[in-house]
Amino acid sequence: MRRAVTVASLAVVLGGCGSQAAATKPAQPRLPRALAQSWAQQADAVAASLAADDGCTAQARVAALQQDVIAAVNAHRVPRRLLEPLSSGVNALAAQIACTPPAPFDRGKGHKKHKHAKDD
């Protein structure tokens, strides 16, 4: 449940980025529209993986999103006022996702282990 809230919060931050500011409000810092749309799609993909109970795919997708955010920050494409909420939102999401690989296939009781004789 907490992951869903974090994904939703991240989507709200990204959803507000790149949109037109209302004429009555002062200009808000915005991300380039293409960047905001790309990150929103990536956040949606993370959410879809979590909904499918696929933590390993979600973890890989959020790691890619983190790398994209870091690259954009380093390239000065993110306004200063958005740095903290964006970075902390992505990092918080990544910290909540765990990859739990499926249990190994159980061959059952009929499977015998074979010992190999050593050559002298």
Protein backbone atom coordinates (compact mmCIF):
# COMPACT_ATOMS: atom_id res chain seq x y z
CA MET A 1 0.00 0.00 0.00
CA ARG A 2 2.80 2.39 0.90
CA ARG A 3 4.48 1.75 -2.47
CA ALA A 4 1.27 2.63 -4.28
CA VAL A 5 1.09 5.93 -2.41
CA THR A 6 4.71 6.71 -3.30
CA VAL A 7 4.12 5.85 -6.97
CA ALA A 8 0.99 8.01 -6.95
CA SER A 9 2.87 10.91 -5.33
CA LEU A 10 5.64 10.63 -7.89
CA ALA A 11 3.07 10.59 -10.67
CA VAL A 12 1.48 13.76 -9.28
CA VAL A 13 4.86 15.54 -9.20
CA LEU A 14 5.62 14.39 -12.74
CA GLY A 15 2.08 15.05 -13.96
CA GLY A 16 2.30 18.69 -12.92
CA CYS A 17 5.57 19.12 -14.74
CA GLY A 18 5.57 20.42 -18.26
CA SER A 19 1.98 21.66 -18.14
CA GLN A 20 0.84 25.19 -18.90
CA ALA A 21 0.69 27.54 -15.89
CA ALA A 22 -2.61 29.35 -15.35
CA ALA A 23 -2.57 33.07 -16.23
CA THR A 24 -3.55 34.05 -12.69
CA LYS A 25 -0.76 32.10 -10.98
CA PRO A 26 2.90 33.02 -10.97
CA ALA A 27 5.03 30.86 -13.26
CA GLN A 28 5.84 27.52 -11.67
CA PRO A 29 9.08 25.68 -12.36
CA ARG A 30 8.53 23.10 -15.10
CA LEU A 31 10.35 20.19 -16.59
CA PRO A 32 10.53 19.88 -20.34
CA ARG A 33 7.30 18.16 -21.42
CA ALA A 34 9.04 15.21 -23.11
CA LEU A 35 11.09 14.53 -19.98
CA ALA A 36 8.04 14.69 -17.71
CA GLN A 37 6.07 12.37 -20.01
CA SER A 38 8.91 9.87 -20.19
CA TRP A 39 9.26 9.76 -16.40
CA ALA A 40 5.50 9.48 -15.94
CA GLN A 41 5.48 6.46 -18.30
CA GLN A 42 8.37 4.91 -16.39
CA ALA A 43 6.57 5.47 -13.06
CA ASP A 44 3.46 3.85 -14.54
CA ALA A 45 5.55 0.85 -15.63
CA VAL A 46 6.94 0.52 -12.09
CA ALA A 47 3.39 0.66 -10.73
CA ALA A 48 2.26 -2.01 -13.22
CA SER A 49 5.10 -4.30 -12.15
CA LEU A 50 4.19 -3.81 -8.51
CA ALA A 51 0.52 -4.48 -9.26
CA ALA A 52 1.58 -7.74 -10.94
CA ASP A 53 3.59 -8.59 -7.80
CA ASP A 54 6.80 -8.58 -9.86
CA GLY A 55 9.26 -6.85 -7.55
CA CYS A 56 12.30 -7.79 -9.63
CA THR A 57 11.00 -6.06 -12.75
CA ALA A 58 9.79 -3.11 -10.67
CA GLN A 59 13.23 -2.81 -9.10
CA ALA A 60 14.94 -2.79 -12.50
CA ARG A 61 12.48 -0.21 -13.83
CA VAL A 62 12.86 2.12 -10.85
CA ALA A 63 16.66 1.85 -11.14
CA ALA A 64 16.39 3.00 -14.77
CA LEU A 65 14.14 5.87 -13.68
CA GLN A 66 16.66 6.86 -11.01
CA GLN A 67 19.45 6.92 -13.59
CA ASP A 68 17.36 9.09 -15.92
CA VAL A 69 16.60 11.53 -13.10
CA ILE A 70 20.27 11.72 -12.11
CA ALA A 71 21.30 12.35 -15.72
CA ALA A 72 18.72 15.14 -16.08
CA VAL A 73 19.81 16.73 -12.79
CA ASN A 74 23.46 16.59 -13.86
CA ALA A 75 22.53 18.16 -17.21
CA HIS A 76 20.70 20.98 -15.35
CA ARG A 77 17.37 20.08 -16.94
CA VAL A 78 15.51 20.01 -13.62
CA PRO A 79 14.52 23.34 -12.00
CA ARG A 80 16.01 23.86 -8.53
CA ARG A 81 12.60 23.90 -6.83
CA LEU A 82 11.84 20.43 -8.17
CA LEU A 83 15.19 18.82 -7.35
CA GLU A 84 14.38 17.75 -3.80
CA PRO A 85 10.81 16.46 -4.23
CA LEU A 86 11.67 14.63 -7.44
CA SER A 87 14.90 13.06 -6.19
CA SER A 88 13.49 12.11 -2.79
CA GLY A 89 10.34 10.65 -4.37
CA VAL A 90 12.28 8.42 -6.76
CA ASN A 91 14.73 7.38 -4.04
CA ALA A 92 11.94 6.61 -1.57
CA LEU A 93 10.20 4.48 -4.16
CA ALA A 94 13.40 2.57 -4.96
CA ALA A 95 14.02 1.93 -1.26
CA GLN A 96 10.60 0.30 -0.86
CA ILE A 97 10.90 -2.20 -3.71
CA ALA A 98 12.37 -5.63 -3.07
CA CYS A 99 13.21 -8.31 -5.58
CA THR A 100 12.31 -11.73 -4.24
CA PRO A 101 13.26 -14.38 -6.79
CA PRO A 102 10.90 -17.35 -7.10
CA ALA A 103 11.73 -20.41 -5.03
CA PRO A 104 13.80 -23.04 -6.84
CA PHE A 105 11.88 -25.82 -8.52
CA ASP A 106 11.37 -28.77 -6.18
CA ARG A 107 11.97 -31.98 -8.09
CA GLY A 108 10.14 -34.00 -5.47
CA LYS A 109 11.14 -36.95 -3.35
CA GLY A 110 11.71 -39.28 -6.29
CA HIS A 111 14.81 -37.42 -7.46
CA LYS A 112 18.03 -39.09 -6.37
CA LYS A 113 21.36 -37.41 -6.12
CA HIS A 114 24.10 -39.31 -7.88
CA LYS A 115 27.54 -39.52 -6.40
CA HIS A 116 30.33 -39.64 -8.88
CA ALA A 117 33.18 -42.00 -8.03
CA LYS A 118 36.59 -40.40 -8.05
CA ASP A 119 39.12 -41.86 -10.39
CA ASP A 120 42.19 -43.16 -8.56
